Protein backbone atom coordinates (compact mmCIF):
# COMPACT_ATOMS: atom_id res chain seq x y z
CA ARG A 1 0.63 15.53 -2.77
CA ALA A 2 -0.52 12.61 -4.92
CA PRO A 3 -3.73 10.56 -4.86
CA GLY A 4 -3.75 7.67 -2.37
CA LEU A 5 -2.99 4.12 -3.41
CA SER A 6 -5.09 1.28 -2.04
CA PHE A 7 -5.55 1.77 1.74
CA LEU A 8 -2.48 4.03 2.01
CA ASP A 9 -4.11 7.42 1.70
CA THR A 10 -1.21 9.82 2.25
CA CYS A 11 0.98 9.82 -0.86
CA TYR A 12 3.37 12.27 -2.46
CA ASN A 13 4.75 12.78 -5.95
CA PHE A 14 8.50 13.39 -5.81
CA THR A 15 9.01 13.62 -9.56
CA GLY A 16 11.57 16.31 -10.37
CA HIS A 17 13.07 16.43 -6.87
CA ASP A 18 16.80 15.71 -6.75
CA THR A 19 16.93 15.10 -3.00
CA LEU A 20 14.41 13.89 -0.49
CA ARG A 21 14.48 14.61 3.24
CA VAL A 22 12.28 12.20 5.14
CA PRO A 23 11.27 13.48 8.59
CA SER A 24 11.82 11.38 11.67
CA VAL A 25 8.70 9.54 12.79
CA ALA A 26 8.09 8.11 16.26
CA LEU A 27 5.14 5.92 17.17
CA VAL A 28 4.01 6.45 20.76
CA PHE A 29 1.91 3.71 22.33
CA ALA A 30 -0.29 3.63 25.42
CA GLY A 31 1.88 2.92 28.42
CA GLY A 32 4.69 5.10 27.13
CA ALA A 33 6.47 2.81 24.66
CA THR A 34 8.00 4.79 21.81
CA VAL A 35 9.32 3.31 18.56
CA ASN A 36 11.46 5.51 16.34
CA LEU A 37 10.97 4.35 12.77
CA ASP A 38 13.92 3.82 10.51
CA VAL A 39 13.79 6.07 7.44
CA SER A 40 13.15 2.95 5.32
CA GLY A 41 9.87 2.41 7.18
CA VAL A 42 8.38 5.85 6.63
CA LEU A 43 7.73 5.93 2.87
CA VAL A 44 6.92 2.98 0.62
CA LYS A 45 6.61 2.67 -3.13
CA LEU A 46 3.67 0.71 -4.40
CA GLY A 47 2.90 -0.32 -7.95
CA SER A 48 1.91 3.17 -9.01
CA ASP A 49 1.84 4.12 -12.67
CA GLU A 50 3.91 7.14 -11.67
CA PRO A 51 7.47 6.17 -10.66
CA GLY A 52 7.94 9.22 -8.41
CA VAL A 53 5.00 8.45 -6.09
CA ALA A 54 5.54 7.14 -2.55
CA CYS A 55 3.11 6.80 0.36
CA LEU A 56 3.41 6.86 4.12
CA GLY A 57 3.96 3.23 5.12
CA PHE A 58 1.33 3.32 7.87
CA THR A 59 -2.24 4.52 8.15
CA SER A 60 -5.17 4.95 10.49
CA THR A 61 -8.40 3.03 10.23
CA GLY A 62 -10.22 6.22 9.30
CA ASP A 63 -12.33 6.51 12.44
CA ASP A 64 -11.86 7.80 15.98
CA LYS A 65 -10.86 4.44 17.41
CA PRO A 66 -7.29 4.20 18.74
CA VAL A 67 -6.29 1.64 16.12
CA GLY A 68 -3.88 1.94 13.22
CA ILE A 69 -2.13 -0.26 10.73
CA LEU A 70 1.56 -0.94 11.29
CA GLY A 71 3.00 -3.36 8.78
CA ASN A 72 6.14 -5.30 8.04
CA THR A 73 7.69 -2.24 6.38
CA GLN A 74 8.21 -0.77 9.83
CA GLN A 75 8.75 -4.03 11.70
CA LYS A 76 11.69 -5.24 9.59
CA THR A 77 14.12 -2.89 11.36
CA PHE A 78 13.33 -3.95 14.94
CA ALA A 79 12.27 -7.07 16.79
CA VAL A 80 8.65 -7.38 17.83
CA VAL A 81 7.64 -9.63 20.73
CA TYR A 82 3.98 -10.56 21.09
CA ASP A 83 3.08 -11.49 24.68
CA VAL A 84 -0.41 -12.86 24.11
CA VAL A 85 -0.94 -14.09 27.68
CA ASN A 86 -0.25 -10.66 29.19
CA ARG A 87 -1.74 -8.76 26.22
CA ARG A 88 1.45 -6.77 25.55
CA ILE A 89 3.75 -6.06 22.65
CA GLY A 90 7.44 -5.32 23.05
CA PHE A 91 10.02 -3.84 20.71
CA GLY A 92 13.75 -4.52 20.50
CA ALA A 93 16.72 -3.21 18.56
CA LYS A 94 17.33 -6.16 16.22
CA GLY A 95 15.40 -6.47 12.99
CA CYS A 96 14.98 -9.18 10.39
CA ALA A 97 18.17 -10.52 8.87
């Protein structure tokens, strides 16, 4: 494990590892919607001084509220539809081109 970077607090140092197996990650939302993240949306490299450090690309807000931060790192591999009127978010199979 490596020290956190910025607001991403779960980081790892992979220096010296020849291969890296990233586990599958699924985000489960209220109402039953499940989004399986692409492997490219699980770990991100930030401007760390150590080249082998990567962090989970999502984080909680640090309290008990049911809110988290899901950024464009995850969203680039699927379509996101924001239905503001009905207060819903939908996910589709197509990502950014």
